[in-house]
């Protein structure tokens, strides 16, 4: 059975590392981006089941741009 994939987008390295460890220990595949542009690229290139976004990231990432088909 395929693991569910989580896209984690945050520029706080400590937050990313802590949450990645918890999610992977729970059996999720985790893809990490440290900025909005990278997050959008990874979302387009990968089949992501859920995205965890830093709403305070200041660049091209926005809720309006993320739409999962």
N, C-alpha and C. Protein backbone atom coordinates (compact mmCIF):
# COMPACT_ATOMS: atom_id res chain seq x y z
N UNK A 1 0.84 -1.18 0.00
CA UNK A 1 0.00 0.00 0.00
C UNK A 1 0.88 1.24 0.00
N UNK A 2 0.55 2.21 -0.86
CA UNK A 2 1.32 3.43 -0.97
C UNK A 2 1.11 4.33 0.25
N UNK A 3 2.20 4.91 0.70
CA UNK A 3 2.11 5.87 1.81
C UNK A 3 1.44 7.15 1.32
N UNK A 4 0.70 7.80 2.18
CA UNK A 4 0.17 9.13 1.87
C UNK A 4 1.33 10.12 1.88
N UNK A 5 1.25 11.09 0.99
CA UNK A 5 2.34 12.07 0.84
C UNK A 5 1.91 13.42 1.37
N UNK A 6 2.76 14.00 2.21
CA UNK A 6 2.53 15.32 2.80
C UNK A 6 3.56 16.29 2.23
N UNK A 7 3.11 17.41 1.72
CA UNK A 7 4.00 18.50 1.31
C UNK A 7 4.05 19.48 2.46
N UNK A 8 5.22 19.69 3.00
CA UNK A 8 5.44 20.59 4.14
C UNK A 8 6.20 21.80 3.63
N UNK A 9 5.56 22.98 3.67
CA UNK A 9 6.17 24.22 3.16
C UNK A 9 6.33 25.20 4.31
N UNK A 10 7.58 25.44 4.69
CA UNK A 10 7.85 26.38 5.79
C UNK A 10 9.31 26.80 5.71
N UNK A 11 9.59 28.05 6.05
CA UNK A 11 10.97 28.53 6.01
C UNK A 11 11.67 28.38 7.36
N UNK A 12 10.99 27.86 8.35
CA UNK A 12 11.57 27.62 9.68
C UNK A 12 12.13 26.20 9.72
N UNK A 13 13.45 26.09 9.66
CA UNK A 13 14.13 24.79 9.59
C UNK A 13 13.78 23.90 10.79
N UNK A 14 13.74 24.46 11.97
CA UNK A 14 13.42 23.67 13.17
C UNK A 14 12.00 23.11 13.10
N UNK A 15 11.06 23.92 12.65
CA UNK A 15 9.68 23.48 12.50
C UNK A 15 9.60 22.34 11.48
N UNK A 16 10.28 22.52 10.37
CA UNK A 16 10.28 21.49 9.32
C UNK A 16 10.87 20.18 9.84
N UNK A 17 12.02 20.26 10.49
CA UNK A 17 12.68 19.05 10.99
C UNK A 17 11.82 18.31 12.02
N UNK A 18 11.23 19.05 12.94
CA UNK A 18 10.40 18.42 13.97
C UNK A 18 9.17 17.76 13.37
N UNK A 19 8.48 18.48 12.49
CA UNK A 19 7.26 17.94 11.90
C UNK A 19 7.54 16.82 10.92
N UNK A 20 8.64 16.92 10.20
CA UNK A 20 9.02 15.84 9.29
C UNK A 20 9.25 14.55 10.08
N UNK A 21 9.97 14.65 11.19
CA UNK A 21 10.25 13.47 12.02
C UNK A 21 8.96 12.82 12.53
N UNK A 22 8.04 13.64 13.00
CA UNK A 22 6.76 13.12 13.52
C UNK A 22 5.95 12.46 12.40
N UNK A 23 5.86 13.13 11.26
CA UNK A 23 5.08 12.60 10.15
C UNK A 23 5.67 11.31 9.59
N UNK A 24 6.99 11.28 9.43
CA UNK A 24 7.63 10.06 8.92
C UNK A 24 7.49 8.91 9.90
N UNK A 25 7.59 9.20 11.20
CA UNK A 25 7.41 8.15 12.21
C UNK A 25 5.98 7.60 12.18
N UNK A 26 5.03 8.43 11.75
CA UNK A 26 3.63 8.00 11.65
C UNK A 26 3.34 7.29 10.33
N UNK A 27 4.36 7.17 9.47
CA UNK A 27 4.21 6.42 8.24
C UNK A 27 3.94 7.22 6.98
N UNK A 28 4.06 8.54 7.06
CA UNK A 28 3.83 9.38 5.89
C UNK A 28 5.12 9.59 5.11
N UNK A 29 4.98 9.78 3.80
CA UNK A 29 6.09 10.25 2.99
C UNK A 29 6.03 11.77 3.05
N UNK A 30 7.15 12.42 3.31
CA UNK A 30 7.16 13.88 3.47
C UNK A 30 8.07 14.51 2.43
N UNK A 31 7.52 15.49 1.73
CA UNK A 31 8.27 16.30 0.78
C UNK A 31 8.36 17.69 1.39
N UNK A 32 9.55 18.28 1.37
CA UNK A 32 9.77 19.56 2.05
C UNK A 32 10.17 20.65 1.06
N UNK A 33 9.59 21.83 1.26
CA UNK A 33 9.99 23.03 0.54
C UNK A 33 10.20 24.13 1.57
N UNK A 34 11.20 24.97 1.32
CA UNK A 34 11.52 26.03 2.28
C UNK A 34 11.07 27.41 1.81
N UNK A 35 10.42 27.46 0.64
CA UNK A 35 9.85 28.72 0.17
C UNK A 35 8.68 28.43 -0.76
N UNK A 36 7.93 29.46 -1.07
CA UNK A 36 6.73 29.29 -1.86
C UNK A 36 6.96 28.78 -3.26
N UNK A 37 7.98 29.29 -3.92
CA UNK A 37 8.28 28.85 -5.28
C UNK A 37 8.61 27.37 -5.33
N UNK A 38 9.42 26.95 -4.40
CA UNK A 38 9.79 25.54 -4.32
C UNK A 38 8.56 24.69 -3.99
N UNK A 39 7.70 25.20 -3.11
CA UNK A 39 6.49 24.49 -2.75
C UNK A 39 5.56 24.29 -3.94
N UNK A 40 5.38 25.34 -4.74
CA UNK A 40 4.55 25.23 -5.93
C UNK A 40 5.12 24.22 -6.92
N UNK A 41 6.43 24.27 -7.11
CA UNK A 41 7.10 23.34 -8.03
C UNK A 41 6.89 21.90 -7.59
N UNK A 42 7.11 21.64 -6.30
CA UNK A 42 6.95 20.28 -5.79
C UNK A 42 5.50 19.82 -5.83
N UNK A 43 4.57 20.73 -5.59
CA UNK A 43 3.14 20.38 -5.66
C UNK A 43 2.75 19.99 -7.07
N UNK A 44 3.33 20.66 -8.05
CA UNK A 44 3.02 20.34 -9.45
C UNK A 44 3.67 19.04 -9.91
N UNK A 45 4.83 18.74 -9.36
CA UNK A 45 5.60 17.57 -9.81
C UNK A 45 5.24 16.28 -9.08
N UNK A 46 4.58 16.36 -7.95
CA UNK A 46 4.32 15.19 -7.12
C UNK A 46 2.83 15.03 -6.85
N UNK A 47 2.44 13.82 -6.61
CA UNK A 47 1.07 13.53 -6.21
C UNK A 47 1.01 13.70 -4.70
N UNK A 48 0.47 14.82 -4.25
CA UNK A 48 0.46 15.17 -2.83
C UNK A 48 -0.95 14.96 -2.28
N UNK A 49 -1.04 14.30 -1.14
CA UNK A 49 -2.34 14.06 -0.51
C UNK A 49 -2.78 15.23 0.36
N UNK A 50 -1.82 15.89 1.00
CA UNK A 50 -2.12 17.04 1.85
C UNK A 50 -0.91 17.96 1.87
N UNK A 51 -1.18 19.26 2.00
CA UNK A 51 -0.10 20.26 2.10
C UNK A 51 -0.26 21.01 3.41
N UNK A 52 0.86 21.17 4.11
CA UNK A 52 0.91 21.97 5.34
C UNK A 52 1.71 23.21 4.98
N UNK A 53 1.04 24.37 5.04
CA UNK A 53 1.64 25.61 4.54
C UNK A 53 1.86 26.62 5.65
N UNK A 54 2.98 27.32 5.56
CA UNK A 54 3.25 28.47 6.41
C UNK A 54 2.51 29.65 5.79
N UNK A 55 1.47 30.11 6.44
CA UNK A 55 0.66 31.20 5.86
C UNK A 55 1.39 32.54 5.90
N UNK A 56 2.54 32.61 6.55
CA UNK A 56 3.29 33.85 6.63
C UNK A 56 4.47 33.90 5.66
N UNK A 57 4.60 32.89 4.82
CA UNK A 57 5.68 32.92 3.83
C UNK A 57 5.44 34.09 2.88
N UNK A 58 6.49 34.83 2.59
CA UNK A 58 6.33 36.05 1.81
C UNK A 58 6.93 35.90 0.41
N UNK A 59 6.22 35.24 -0.44
CA UNK A 59 6.56 35.22 -1.86
C UNK A 59 5.40 34.66 -2.64
N UNK A 60 5.66 33.99 -3.73
CA UNK A 60 4.60 33.65 -4.67
C UNK A 60 3.63 32.56 -4.22
N UNK A 61 3.82 31.95 -3.08
CA UNK A 61 2.90 30.92 -2.62
C UNK A 61 1.67 31.58 -2.00
N UNK A 62 0.51 31.14 -2.43
CA UNK A 62 -0.72 31.62 -1.81
C UNK A 62 -1.77 30.54 -1.89
N UNK A 63 -2.79 30.66 -1.08
CA UNK A 63 -3.88 29.69 -1.10
C UNK A 63 -4.54 29.69 -2.47
N UNK A 64 -4.57 30.82 -3.14
CA UNK A 64 -5.21 30.90 -4.45
C UNK A 64 -4.48 30.08 -5.51
N UNK A 65 -3.18 29.90 -5.34
CA UNK A 65 -2.41 29.18 -6.34
C UNK A 65 -2.41 27.67 -6.13
N UNK A 66 -2.75 27.22 -4.94
CA UNK A 66 -2.75 25.80 -4.67
C UNK A 66 -4.14 25.22 -4.90
N UNK A 67 -4.24 24.38 -5.87
CA UNK A 67 -5.49 23.71 -6.17
C UNK A 67 -5.14 22.30 -6.59
N UNK A 68 -5.66 21.34 -5.87
CA UNK A 68 -5.35 19.95 -6.14
C UNK A 68 -6.48 19.34 -6.95
N UNK A 69 -6.15 18.79 -8.08
CA UNK A 69 -7.14 18.14 -8.94
C UNK A 69 -7.26 16.67 -8.63
